[in-house]
Structures are given as structure tokens and as C-alpha cells.
Amino acid sequence: MARGLIMKRKSIHLWTSGICLSLLLVNTTLKAEVGVGAEPLQGAAMLFDGSREMLDEKWTYWKGPRFASSLPIKWKIVDDPVDSGTAVMTDDPAAAGGIYGAADIVTKQKFKDFRLHVEFLIPNKGGNSGVYLQNRYEIQVLDGDKTKHGMGAVINESESPYHAYNGLGKWNAYDFTFRAARFQDGKRTEKAHVTAYFNGKKVHTNFPINKVWGGKNSGIDGGNNGGLGITDRPGGLKLQCEGHDVRYRNIWIKELDIKNPDTDFSEPKVK
């Protein structure tokens, strides 16, 4: 994780009339944080700070075809198992047995292009959830799975960067720059792209995302042409409930307008 303002110092010695003058030059490089504990960038909005108040204020259930719960959100606010503070636990009876889509939560605000930070912790083996960009594209949260369906994968499309996972009982962090699909006359002309850091390591670079996986119960457009029928509408950030104990905290987002299909951001440097 990089923090704050990094200052590089260089001394230059000047001799004038036999007197040495030492000038300290300070070069500053702005650093954006990635990794566990990263603080919001300037202009970013906090989506979840660990409190019940923010959960109810900024989130709701995704009322997809399989929705089976009811407001208020049944996910529990629990003590942070590692640090001081609290987190939210993906615990909802409606999703028992792994029924995804029954009790997933999504932000009330919808987004197009953005920079996103999410932290998660899995207490038990096989813990399963997922982070959905635009309530479409899943970045997997799944302990023990190193396949293309596994931890950190752009689900079913990229390899799993399992090597970057901190493991059970520890906090992990995803950092994304995401550019939504582009359209002309109602037809997709450019796929969505994402660059991702996992615990401070770059694991996906400007990766093109083809479709929504998991069918109509997974997210927006999942039931359109086998997930290939992507539509031109923004979507919220969604967290998946699959009847497992997964914790989330420190979620923030900064809206962007990325003109070109390039999401590669050379963290920790910010231009």
C-alpha cells in the first residue's frame, strides 16, 4: 500500500566565495492508495464505512428474478475480526444454500466509469461472494478456487490471481478502474474494460469483459442473449450473498469519464 504524498529529497551544494550553500530540493509525487486500508481519493464518495446507517442510506436489495428477502437489509453489522470498528456480514436467510440473487445488495446510486476500492475478509474455507461492477460483471470472491471461476478472476474470462490473496481471516482489497461498454445506435461498439489491483498487486490490465455470466439471476443483462445482450445503462455496485460468511468494509468510489478504451492506471502514481 502506498500512502499520501511521497517526497524525494536531493541536496545540491553550491560554493560561493568559499561558502558552501546547501539547497534542499523536494520533488513531490502524488500517490493514490491501493491495498488494505486505502483511504478515499480526493473527490471519491464513501459507499460503506462499516455502519448500519450508511448501509441503509446507500444500499438496497437487488430485486432480480430470484429476490426473496425484504427491507430493511438483513445483512448483519458485526465487529471487525481483525481491527477496531465494524463490517457487514453477508448473512441473509433467503440465500441459504447458495441461492445467489435471493439477497444480493446493490448501491442505490448507479455508475458508468469509475475508480473503486473494496475490502473483504473470508473467515471460513470455501467462503463465497462476489463484487459486481455495474451489477453486471463479477469479480469473484471465493476461497480455495484458483480456476477462471476463482478468487480475483473476471469470472469465467480471466485467470485467477490467487497468488495475491492474503488468505482466510485476513483483510483483502480490490482496487479497480472500470470503463463501461460504449454504444452507437443502440449497439455495443466497445466492450467494458477493467484494470485491477489485488492487495496492491496489479492482476488485470485493461481487461475486456465479454458478457454477464450466471444468467438472469446474476445481474443486469444476465438474461439477455445469454449475457451477451449488454445494454447502455449504468448500474450499481453489487455485493453477492450466497449463504456464506463474508465480511466487507471500507468501500469507496470515484466517478470518472474515461474517453478512450484504456483503464490501465499505473498505481500508485496519479497524474
Protein backbone atom coordinates (compact mmCIF):
# COMPACT_ATOMS: atom_id res chain seq x y z
CA MET A 1 0.00 0.00 0.00
CA ALA A 2 1.21 3.46 -0.86
CA ARG A 3 0.23 6.41 1.26
CA GLY A 4 -0.21 10.10 0.76
CA LEU A 5 2.49 12.34 -0.61
CA ILE A 6 5.85 10.78 -1.30
CA MET A 7 8.73 13.25 -1.07
CA LYS A 8 12.07 12.60 -2.72
CA ARG A 9 14.88 14.74 -1.40
CA LYS A 10 18.02 15.77 -3.23
CA SER A 11 20.72 18.05 -1.91
CA ILE A 12 22.74 20.34 -4.15
CA HIS A 13 25.84 22.03 -2.77
CA LEU A 14 26.83 25.42 -4.17
CA TRP A 15 30.11 27.16 -3.40
CA THR A 16 30.06 30.95 -3.31
CA SER A 17 33.08 32.93 -2.08
CA GLY A 18 34.33 29.91 -0.23
CA ILE A 19 30.98 29.34 1.50
CA CYS A 20 29.05 26.13 0.91
CA LEU A 21 25.33 26.67 0.49
CA SER A 22 23.27 23.51 0.77
CA LEU A 23 19.95 23.70 -1.07
CA LEU A 24 17.34 21.07 -0.43
CA LEU A 25 15.23 20.29 -3.46
CA VAL A 26 11.99 18.44 -2.84
CA ASN A 27 10.33 16.52 -5.65
CA THR A 28 6.76 15.56 -4.93
CA THR A 29 4.91 12.67 -6.48
CA LEU A 30 1.22 12.24 -5.77
CA LYS A 31 0.36 8.74 -4.68
CA ALA A 32 -3.05 7.11 -4.73
CA GLU A 33 -3.56 4.34 -2.24
CA VAL A 34 -4.16 0.74 -3.18
CA GLY A 35 -4.45 -2.23 -0.87
CA VAL A 36 -5.86 -2.86 2.58
CA GLY A 37 -6.60 0.32 4.49
CA ALA A 38 -6.53 2.58 1.44
CA GLU A 39 -8.15 5.92 2.06
CA PRO A 40 -10.55 7.52 -0.45
CA LEU A 41 -9.01 9.55 -3.23
CA GLN A 42 -9.82 13.22 -3.44
CA GLY A 43 -13.31 13.52 -4.88
CA ALA A 44 -14.30 9.94 -4.01
CA ALA A 45 -17.51 9.06 -2.19
CA MET A 46 -17.69 6.61 0.69
CA LEU A 47 -20.15 3.79 -0.05
CA PHE A 48 -19.68 1.79 3.13
CA ASP A 49 -17.85 2.80 6.31
CA GLY A 50 -18.90 -0.17 8.46
CA SER A 51 -22.01 1.47 9.88
CA ARG A 52 -25.63 0.40 9.79
CA GLU A 53 -26.57 3.97 8.92
CA MET A 54 -24.54 4.00 5.71
CA LEU A 55 -25.68 0.51 4.76
CA ASP A 56 -29.33 1.59 4.90
CA GLU A 57 -28.67 5.00 3.38
CA LYS A 58 -26.70 3.95 0.31
CA TRP A 59 -27.65 0.30 -0.33
CA THR A 60 -30.73 -1.74 -1.06
CA TYR A 61 -31.53 -5.23 -2.30
CA TRP A 62 -31.22 -6.07 -5.96
CA LYS A 63 -34.75 -7.10 -6.83
CA GLY A 64 -33.90 -9.54 -9.59
CA PRO A 65 -35.98 -12.57 -10.67
CA ARG A 66 -34.92 -14.64 -7.66
CA PHE A 67 -35.20 -11.95 -4.98
CA ALA A 68 -36.66 -13.49 -1.80
CA SER A 69 -35.77 -11.18 1.07
CA SER A 70 -37.26 -7.87 2.28
CA LEU A 71 -36.14 -4.49 3.54
CA PRO A 72 -34.58 -3.48 5.79
CA ILE A 73 -31.40 -5.25 4.67
CA LYS A 74 -30.91 -8.42 6.72
CA TRP A 75 -27.11 -8.49 6.42
CA LYS A 76 -25.56 -8.06 9.86
CA ILE A 77 -23.22 -5.36 11.11
CA VAL A 78 -20.55 -7.19 13.13
CA ASP A 79 -17.32 -6.38 14.92
CA ASP A 80 -14.27 -6.27 12.69
CA PRO A 81 -12.47 -9.58 13.46
CA VAL A 82 -9.02 -8.05 12.88
CA ASP A 83 -9.08 -4.32 13.60
CA SER A 84 -11.22 -1.97 15.63
CA GLY A 85 -14.51 -0.97 14.05
CA THR A 86 -17.27 -2.85 12.30
CA ALA A 87 -18.00 -4.58 9.00
CA VAL A 88 -21.01 -6.02 7.21
CA MET A 89 -21.55 -9.77 7.02
CA THR A 90 -23.25 -11.43 4.04
CA ASP A 91 -25.73 -13.24 6.24
CA ASP A 92 -29.29 -13.43 4.92
CA PRO A 93 -31.56 -16.49 5.42
CA ALA A 94 -33.03 -16.02 1.93
CA ALA A 95 -29.70 -17.02 0.35
CA ALA A 96 -29.13 -20.16 2.44
CA GLY A 97 -27.79 -23.00 0.34
CA GLY A 98 -26.02 -20.67 -2.11
CA ILE A 99 -29.07 -19.15 -3.77
CA TYR A 100 -27.38 -16.14 -5.37
CA GLY A 101 -29.71 -13.36 -6.43
CA ALA A 102 -32.04 -14.00 -3.49
CA ALA A 103 -30.49 -11.40 -1.16
CA ASP A 104 -27.72 -9.57 -3.02
CA ILE A 105 -27.29 -5.90 -2.10
CA VAL A 106 -26.61 -3.07 -4.55
CA THR A 107 -25.90 0.63 -4.24
CA LYS A 108 -28.82 2.93 -4.84
CA GLN A 109 -26.55 5.11 -6.97
CA LYS A 110 -25.68 3.85 -10.43
CA PHE A 111 -22.35 4.31 -12.17
CA LYS A 112 -20.70 4.30 -15.58
CA ASP A 113 -16.89 4.76 -15.39
CA PHE A 114 -15.19 4.74 -12.02
CA ARG A 115 -12.28 4.03 -9.69
CA LEU A 116 -13.39 1.65 -6.93
CA HIS A 117 -11.93 0.28 -3.70
CA VAL A 118 -13.46 -2.71 -1.83
CA GLU A 119 -12.14 -4.66 1.18
CA PHE A 120 -13.30 -8.17 2.10
CA LEU A 121 -12.50 -10.92 4.60
CA ILE A 122 -13.42 -14.61 4.41
CA PRO A 123 -13.42 -16.38 7.81
CA ASN A 124 -14.08 -19.95 6.67
CA LYS A 125 -12.86 -22.30 3.95
CA GLY A 126 -14.82 -22.09 0.73
CA GLY A 127 -16.39 -18.74 1.62
CA ASN A 128 -18.14 -17.36 -1.44
CA SER A 129 -19.41 -13.95 -2.51
CA GLY A 130 -18.70 -11.61 -5.42
CA VAL A 131 -18.19 -7.97 -6.35
CA TYR A 132 -20.29 -6.94 -9.35
CA LEU A 133 -19.19 -3.91 -11.36
CA GLN A 134 -22.30 -2.12 -12.68
CA ASN A 135 -24.33 -5.04 -11.28
CA ARG A 136 -23.12 -6.92 -14.38
CA TYR A 137 -19.53 -8.06 -14.31
CA GLU A 138 -18.47 -10.25 -11.41
CA ILE A 139 -15.03 -10.18 -9.85
CA GLN A 140 -15.02 -13.40 -7.88
CA VAL A 141 -14.62 -13.66 -4.10
CA LEU A 142 -14.17 -17.39 -3.47
CA ASP A 143 -11.70 -19.04 -1.11
CA GLY A 144 -9.93 -22.14 -2.39
CA ASP A 145 -10.70 -21.75 -6.11
CA LYS A 146 -7.75 -20.98 -8.42
CA THR A 147 -9.61 -21.56 -11.70
CA LYS A 148 -11.14 -18.99 -14.05
CA HIS A 149 -14.17 -19.18 -11.76
CA GLY A 150 -11.99 -18.49 -8.73
CA MET A 151 -10.65 -15.78 -6.48
CA GLY A 152 -9.98 -12.44 -8.16
CA ALA A 153 -10.96 -13.62 -11.62
CA VAL A 154 -13.07 -11.63 -14.02
CA ILE A 155 -15.40 -14.55 -13.67
CA ASN A 156 -15.07 -17.26 -16.34
CA GLU A 157 -12.92 -14.99 -18.51
CA SER A 158 -9.57 -14.26 -16.84
CA GLU A 159 -7.18 -16.42 -14.87
CA SER A 160 -7.45 -16.28 -11.07
CA PRO A 161 -4.68 -14.19 -9.48
CA TYR A 162 -4.83 -16.45 -6.43
CA HIS A 163 -1.20 -15.72 -5.57
CA ALA A 164 -2.23 -12.23 -4.42
CA TYR A 165 -4.83 -13.49 -1.92
CA ASN A 166 -3.98 -12.89 1.74
CA GLY A 167 -5.89 -15.97 2.88
CA LEU A 168 -8.56 -16.83 5.44
CA GLY A 169 -9.20 -14.49 8.35
CA LYS A 170 -7.30 -11.60 6.78
CA TRP A 171 -8.50 -8.47 5.04
CA ASN A 172 -8.07 -8.28 1.28
CA ALA A 173 -8.50 -5.34 -1.07
CA TYR A 174 -9.62 -4.91 -4.66
CA ASP A 175 -8.86 -1.67 -6.49
CA PHE A 176 -10.42 -1.17 -9.91
CA THR A 177 -10.51 1.34 -12.69
CA PHE A 178 -13.51 0.47 -14.82
CA ARG A 179 -14.77 1.80 -18.15
CA ALA A 180 -18.29 0.87 -19.16
CA ALA A 181 -19.19 -0.51 -22.56
CA ARG A 182 -19.82 2.05 -25.29
CA PHE A 183 -22.69 2.08 -27.76
CA GLN A 184 -23.75 3.62 -31.05
CA ASP A 185 -27.31 3.47 -32.29
CA GLY A 186 -28.13 1.04 -29.50
CA LYS A 187 -25.39 -1.44 -30.44
CA ARG A 188 -22.31 -2.18 -28.37
CA THR A 189 -19.24 -0.86 -30.16
CA GLU A 190 -16.70 -1.20 -27.33
CA LYS A 191 -16.64 -3.76 -24.54
CA ALA A 192 -16.29 -2.84 -20.88
CA HIS A 193 -12.69 -2.80 -19.66
CA VAL A 194 -11.17 -3.12 -16.20
CA THR A 195 -7.75 -2.78 -14.62
CA ALA A 196 -7.45 -4.37 -11.19
CA TYR A 197 -5.08 -4.43 -8.24
CA PHE A 198 -5.43 -7.22 -5.67
CA ASN A 199 -3.78 -6.41 -2.35
CA GLY A 200 -1.59 -3.86 -4.08
CA LYS A 201 -0.50 -6.13 -6.94
CA LYS A 202 -1.68 -5.40 -10.47
CA VAL A 203 -3.50 -8.54 -11.63
CA HIS A 204 -5.61 -7.44 -14.63
CA THR A 205 -4.56 -4.78 -17.13
CA ASN A 206 -7.24 -3.17 -19.31
CA PHE A 207 -9.06 -6.48 -19.48
CA PRO A 208 -12.03 -6.57 -21.92
CA ILE A 209 -15.18 -8.13 -20.47
CA ASN A 210 -17.37 -10.04 -22.89
CA LYS A 211 -20.60 -10.82 -21.07
CA VAL A 212 -22.65 -11.21 -17.92
CA TRP A 213 -22.26 -14.71 -16.51
CA GLY A 214 -24.71 -16.64 -14.35
CA GLY A 215 -27.95 -15.99 -16.18
CA LYS A 216 -30.85 -13.74 -15.31
CA ASN A 217 -30.40 -14.26 -11.55
CA SER A 218 -26.85 -12.91 -11.65
CA GLY A 219 -27.23 -9.26 -12.61
CA ILE A 220 -28.33 -6.67 -15.16
CA ASP A 221 -28.48 -8.14 -18.71
CA GLY A 222 -27.73 -11.66 -17.49
CA GLY A 223 -30.89 -12.89 -19.18
CA ASN A 224 -30.27 -11.05 -22.45
CA ASN A 225 -28.91 -13.27 -25.22
CA GLY A 226 -27.02 -15.49 -22.80
CA GLY A 227 -25.45 -12.50 -21.12
CA LEU A 228 -24.13 -11.02 -24.36
CA GLY A 229 -27.02 -8.57 -24.72
CA ILE A 230 -25.34 -5.75 -22.81
CA THR A 231 -27.46 -2.60 -22.66
CA ASP A 232 -26.44 1.04 -22.44
CA ARG A 233 -27.45 1.87 -18.90
CA PRO A 234 -25.42 2.44 -15.74
CA GLY A 235 -25.62 0.06 -12.80
CA GLY A 236 -24.84 -0.01 -9.11
CA LEU A 237 -22.05 -1.77 -7.28
CA LYS A 238 -23.42 -5.11 -6.10
CA LEU A 239 -22.20 -7.49 -3.39
CA GLN A 240 -23.34 -11.07 -3.65
CA CYS A 241 -24.90 -13.15 -0.90
CA GLU A 242 -24.52 -16.91 -1.35
CA GLY A 243 -25.32 -18.09 2.16
CA HIS A 244 -21.66 -17.78 3.25
CA ASP A 245 -19.98 -15.65 5.89
CA VAL A 246 -18.01 -12.99 4.02
CA ARG A 247 -17.28 -9.55 5.53
CA TYR A 248 -16.94 -6.18 3.75
CA ARG A 249 -15.66 -2.79 4.84
CA ASN A 250 -14.04 0.41 3.51
CA ILE A 251 -15.80 0.69 0.15
CA TRP A 252 -15.38 3.91 -1.81
CA ILE A 253 -15.79 5.07 -5.39
CA LYS A 254 -14.79 7.97 -7.59
CA GLU A 255 -16.78 8.59 -10.76
CA LEU A 256 -14.72 9.08 -13.91
CA ASP A 257 -15.24 9.85 -17.57
CA ILE A 258 -12.73 7.73 -19.48
CA LYS A 259 -12.74 8.87 -23.09
CA ASN A 260 -10.55 6.16 -24.61
CA PRO A 261 -10.87 2.39 -24.04
CA ASP A 262 -7.89 2.30 -21.68
CA THR A 263 -8.29 1.73 -17.95
CA ASP A 264 -4.65 0.99 -17.19
CA PHE A 265 -3.68 3.11 -14.21
CA SER A 266 -0.11 2.90 -13.01
CA GLU A 267 -0.76 2.83 -9.31
CA PRO A 268 0.33 4.19 -7.01
CA LYS A 269 1.03 7.21 -9.20
CA VAL A 270 -1.83 9.55 -10.08
CA LYS A 271 -1.50 12.01 -12.94
